[in-house]
Amino acid sequence: MQYVSELGRDELIDLATQKYFGNVDGKNMDAVLDCFHNEALFTIQTDHTTHSGIGEIRQMFENFFAGYETIVHKDFTCTVDPDNGRICAVFNVEVTDHEGVVTRMQNTNFWRVRGNKFQEVYVYMSGANVLVRE
């Protein structure tokens, strides 16, 4: 399905890297969730896991934020299709748990934007799924 986006190239990059990942790194739950439509889908492709709707996405982030002392996303390389409201980013991730153990990955995200928020997110992780900790 194709969605109509209100955002141009720079705004799509800002939504993904600053409004979304900047607030994930700061553990700012309300600002993170404000990037998503209420019925958004968040899929971790490499873990065959989908979180449907803002409630499930919130729970995923609550677990993620609680599981790590620090979260850092950096070194973004973005590819943008502003005519179709799509953005892809390859980036480095460093998460440090409460015991000081650091996990480093290089991940890729694909976003489909409807209006000015994420409707669909697809995540490819180079390691284990850090978004869901047992």
C-alpha atoms as a PDB file:
ATOM      1  CA  MET A   1       0.000   0.000   0.000  1.00  0.00           C
ATOM      2  CA  GLN A   2       1.181   3.499  -0.806  1.00  0.00           C
ATOM      3  CA  TYR A   3       0.675   6.361   1.649  1.00  0.00           C
ATOM      4  CA  VAL A   4       0.662  10.101   1.028  1.00  0.00           C
ATOM      5  CA  SER A   5       3.465  11.875   2.885  1.00  0.00           C
ATOM      6  CA  GLU A   6       3.587  15.555   3.779  1.00  0.00           C
ATOM      7  CA  LEU A   7       7.363  15.536   4.288  1.00  0.00           C
ATOM      8  CA  GLY A   8      10.196  16.466   1.977  1.00  0.00           C
ATOM      9  CA  ARG A   9      13.651  14.932   1.888  1.00  0.00           C
ATOM     10  CA  ASP A  10      15.197  16.892   4.779  1.00  0.00           C
ATOM     11  CA  GLU A  11      12.064  16.496   6.913  1.00  0.00           C
ATOM     12  CA  LEU A  12      12.072  12.710   6.407  1.00  0.00           C
ATOM     13  CA  ILE A  13      15.718  12.543   7.476  1.00  0.00           C
ATOM     14  CA  ASP A  14      14.955  14.715  10.495  1.00  0.00           C
ATOM     15  CA  LEU A  15      11.972  12.526  11.461  1.00  0.00           C
ATOM     16  CA  ALA A  16      14.081   9.360  11.346  1.00  0.00           C
ATOM     17  CA  THR A  17      17.413  10.532  12.780  1.00  0.00           C
ATOM     18  CA  GLN A  18      16.480  13.346  15.157  1.00  0.00           C
ATOM     19  CA  LYS A  19      12.832  13.125  16.189  1.00  0.00           C
ATOM     20  CA  TYR A  20      12.858   9.339  16.342  1.00  0.00           C
ATOM     21  CA  PHE A  21      16.388   8.087  17.102  1.00  0.00           C
ATOM     22  CA  GLY A  22      17.359  11.234  19.009  1.00  0.00           C
ATOM     23  CA  ASN A  23      14.463  10.604  21.366  1.00  0.00           C
ATOM     24  CA  VAL A  24      15.058   6.842  21.511  1.00  0.00           C
ATOM     25  CA  ASP A  25      18.609   7.592  22.668  1.00  0.00           C
ATOM     26  CA  GLY A  26      17.233  10.030  25.247  1.00  0.00           C
ATOM     27  CA  LYS A  27      14.558   7.523  26.346  1.00  0.00           C
ATOM     28  CA  ASN A  28      11.868  10.164  25.731  1.00  0.00           C
ATOM     29  CA  MET A  29       8.873   7.838  25.400  1.00  0.00           C
ATOM     30  CA  ASP A  30       6.204  10.422  24.504  1.00  0.00           C
ATOM     31  CA  ALA A  31       8.373  11.998  21.810  1.00  0.00           C
ATOM     32  CA  VAL A  32       9.254   8.570  20.370  1.00  0.00           C
ATOM     33  CA  LEU A  33       5.612   7.491  20.223  1.00  0.00           C
ATOM     34  CA  ASP A  34       4.635  10.814  18.653  1.00  0.00           C
ATOM     35  CA  CYS A  35       6.555   9.659  15.557  1.00  0.00           C
ATOM     36  CA  PHE A  36       4.013   6.833  14.986  1.00  0.00           C
ATOM     37  CA  HIS A  37       0.408   6.615  13.856  1.00  0.00           C
ATOM     38  CA  ASN A  38      -1.835   4.861  16.391  1.00  0.00           C
ATOM     39  CA  GLU A  39      -2.214   1.810  14.139  1.00  0.00           C
ATOM     40  CA  ALA A  40       1.438   1.681  12.986  1.00  0.00           C
ATOM     41  CA  LEU A  41       3.293  -1.575  12.425  1.00  0.00           C
ATOM     42  CA  PHE A  42       6.832  -2.081  13.745  1.00  0.00           C
ATOM     43  CA  THR A  43       8.499  -5.207  12.358  1.00  0.00           C
ATOM     44  CA  ILE A  44      11.901  -6.606  13.278  1.00  0.00           C
ATOM     45  CA  GLN A  45      12.466  -8.568  10.075  1.00  0.00           C
ATOM     46  CA  THR A  46      15.505 -10.451  11.343  1.00  0.00           C
ATOM     47  CA  ASP A  47      13.570 -11.692  14.397  1.00  0.00           C
ATOM     48  CA  HIS A  48      10.238 -12.338  12.621  1.00  0.00           C
ATOM     49  CA  THR A  49       8.495 -10.098  15.181  1.00  0.00           C
ATOM     50  CA  THR A  50       5.792  -7.479  14.594  1.00  0.00           C
ATOM     51  CA  HIS A  51       4.385  -4.983  17.083  1.00  0.00           C
ATOM     52  CA  SER A  52       0.955  -3.754  15.976  1.00  0.00           C
ATOM     53  CA  GLY A  53      -0.422  -0.447  17.161  1.00  0.00           C
ATOM     54  CA  ILE A  54       0.855   2.172  19.550  1.00  0.00           C
ATOM     55  CA  GLY A  55       0.191   0.030  22.652  1.00  0.00           C
ATOM     56  CA  GLU A  56       2.451  -2.816  21.519  1.00  0.00           C
ATOM     57  CA  ILE A  57       5.068  -0.369  20.260  1.00  0.00           C
ATOM     58  CA  ARG A  58       5.001   1.405  23.641  1.00  0.00           C
ATOM     59  CA  GLN A  59       5.513  -1.900  25.471  1.00  0.00           C
ATOM     60  CA  MET A  60       8.458  -2.780  23.226  1.00  0.00           C
ATOM     61  CA  PHE A  61      10.122   0.569  23.981  1.00  0.00           C
ATOM     62  CA  GLU A  62       9.383   0.330  27.717  1.00  0.00           C
ATOM     63  CA  ASN A  63      11.235  -2.998  27.775  1.00  0.00           C
ATOM     64  CA  PHE A  64      14.058  -1.628  25.613  1.00  0.00           C
ATOM     65  CA  PHE A  65      14.544   1.497  27.731  1.00  0.00           C
ATOM     66  CA  ALA A  66      14.462  -0.503  30.982  1.00  0.00           C
ATOM     67  CA  GLY A  67      16.991  -3.043  29.685  1.00  0.00           C
ATOM     68  CA  TYR A  68      19.784  -0.616  28.850  1.00  0.00           C
ATOM     69  CA  GLU A  69      21.596   2.135  30.701  1.00  0.00           C
ATOM     70  CA  THR A  70      22.568   3.914  27.482  1.00  0.00           C
ATOM     71  CA  ILE A  71      21.386   3.711  23.881  1.00  0.00           C
ATOM     72  CA  VAL A  72      23.268   5.360  21.016  1.00  0.00           C
ATOM     73  CA  HIS A  73      22.385   5.427  17.293  1.00  0.00           C
ATOM     74  CA  LYS A  74      24.969   7.156  15.082  1.00  0.00           C
ATOM     75  CA  ASP A  75      26.761   7.349  11.732  1.00  0.00           C
ATOM     76  CA  PHE A  76      23.599   7.465   9.624  1.00  0.00           C
ATOM     77  CA  THR A  77      23.599   6.955   5.870  1.00  0.00           C
ATOM     78  CA  CYS A  78      20.117   7.759   4.561  1.00  0.00           C
ATOM     79  CA  THR A  79      18.425   7.063   1.254  1.00  0.00           C
ATOM     80  CA  VAL A  80      15.202   9.005   0.749  1.00  0.00           C
ATOM     81  CA  ASP A  81      12.239   8.790  -1.620  1.00  0.00           C
ATOM     82  CA  PRO A  82      10.284  11.954  -0.744  1.00  0.00           C
ATOM     83  CA  ASP A  83       7.739  11.447  -3.546  1.00  0.00           C
ATOM     84  CA  ASN A  84       6.594   8.240  -1.867  1.00  0.00           C
ATOM     85  CA  GLY A  85       7.272   9.086   1.799  1.00  0.00           C
ATOM     86  CA  ARG A  86       9.956   6.477   2.289  1.00  0.00           C
ATOM     87  CA  ILE A  87      13.320   6.555   3.979  1.00  0.00           C
ATOM     88  CA  CYS A  88      16.018   3.983   4.641  1.00  0.00           C
ATOM     89  CA  ALA A  89      18.942   4.383   7.015  1.00  0.00           C
ATOM     90  CA  VAL A  90      22.022   2.297   7.721  1.00  0.00           C
ATOM     91  CA  PHE A  91      23.561   3.164  11.077  1.00  0.00           C
ATOM     92  CA  ASN A  92      25.631   1.979  14.019  1.00  0.00           C
ATOM     93  CA  VAL A  93      24.072   1.099  17.361  1.00  0.00           C
ATOM     94  CA  GLU A  94      25.712   0.848  20.784  1.00  0.00           C
ATOM     95  CA  VAL A  95      23.685  -0.231  23.787  1.00  0.00           C
ATOM     96  CA  THR A  96      25.113  -0.626  27.280  1.00  0.00           C
ATOM     97  CA  ASP A  97      23.221  -2.749  29.778  1.00  0.00           C
ATOM     98  CA  HIS A  98      23.066  -2.109  33.528  1.00  0.00           C
ATOM     99  CA  GLU A  99      26.090  -4.365  34.125  1.00  0.00           C
ATOM    100  CA  GLY A 100      28.216  -2.341  31.698  1.00  0.00           C
ATOM    101  CA  VAL A 101      28.127  -4.867  28.854  1.00  0.00           C
ATOM    102  CA  VAL A 102      28.227  -3.077  25.484  1.00  0.00           C
ATOM    103  CA  THR A 103      26.526  -4.503  22.391  1.00  0.00           C
ATOM    104  CA  ARG A 104      27.456  -3.011  19.004  1.00  0.00           C
ATOM    105  CA  MET A 105      25.551  -3.564  15.778  1.00  0.00           C
ATOM    106  CA  GLN A 106      25.122  -2.107  12.332  1.00  0.00           C
ATOM    107  CA  ASN A 107      21.434  -2.025  11.479  1.00  0.00           C
ATOM    108  CA  THR A 108      19.186  -0.909   8.659  1.00  0.00           C
ATOM    109  CA  ASN A 109      15.702   0.558   9.039  1.00  0.00           C
ATOM    110  CA  PHE A 110      13.077   1.157   6.366  1.00  0.00           C
ATOM    111  CA  TRP A 111      10.215   3.564   7.119  1.00  0.00           C
ATOM    112  CA  ARG A 112       6.968   4.239   5.297  1.00  0.00           C
ATOM    113  CA  VAL A 113       5.497   7.597   6.248  1.00  0.00           C
ATOM    114  CA  ARG A 114       1.813   8.539   6.100  1.00  0.00           C
ATOM    115  CA  GLY A 115       1.255  12.262   6.528  1.00  0.00           C
ATOM    116  CA  ASN A 116       4.060  13.209   8.882  1.00  0.00           C
ATOM    117  CA  LYS A 117       4.392  10.028  10.981  1.00  0.00           C
ATOM    118  CA  PHE A 118       5.574   6.458  10.602  1.00  0.00           C
ATOM    119  CA  GLN A 119       2.955   4.014   9.369  1.00  0.00           C
ATOM    120  CA  GLU A 120       5.340   1.077   8.930  1.00  0.00           C
ATOM    121  CA  VAL A 121       8.860   0.394  10.215  1.00  0.00           C
ATOM    122  CA  TYR A 122      11.030  -2.541   9.141  1.00  0.00           C
ATOM    123  CA  VAL A 123      14.206  -3.231  11.125  1.00  0.00           C
ATOM    124  CA  TYR A 124      17.119  -5.442  10.098  1.00  0.00           C
ATOM    125  CA  MET A 125      19.567  -6.083  12.962  1.00  0.00           C
ATOM    126  CA  SER A 126      23.088  -7.416  12.538  1.00  0.00           C
ATOM    127  CA  GLY A 127      22.824  -9.215  15.875  1.00  0.00           C
ATOM    128  CA  ALA A 128      20.250 -10.434  18.369  1.00  0.00           C
ATOM    129  CA  ASN A 129      17.058  -8.426  18.843  1.00  0.00           C
ATOM    130  CA  VAL A 130      17.935  -5.899  21.574  1.00  0.00           C
ATOM    131  CA  LEU A 131      14.463  -4.356  21.447  1.00  0.00           C
ATOM    132  CA  VAL A 132      12.984  -7.341  23.279  1.00  0.00           C
ATOM    133  CA  ARG A 133      14.909  -8.660  26.286  1.00  0.00           C
ATOM    134  CA  GLU A 134      13.813 -11.714  28.183  1.00  0.00           C
END
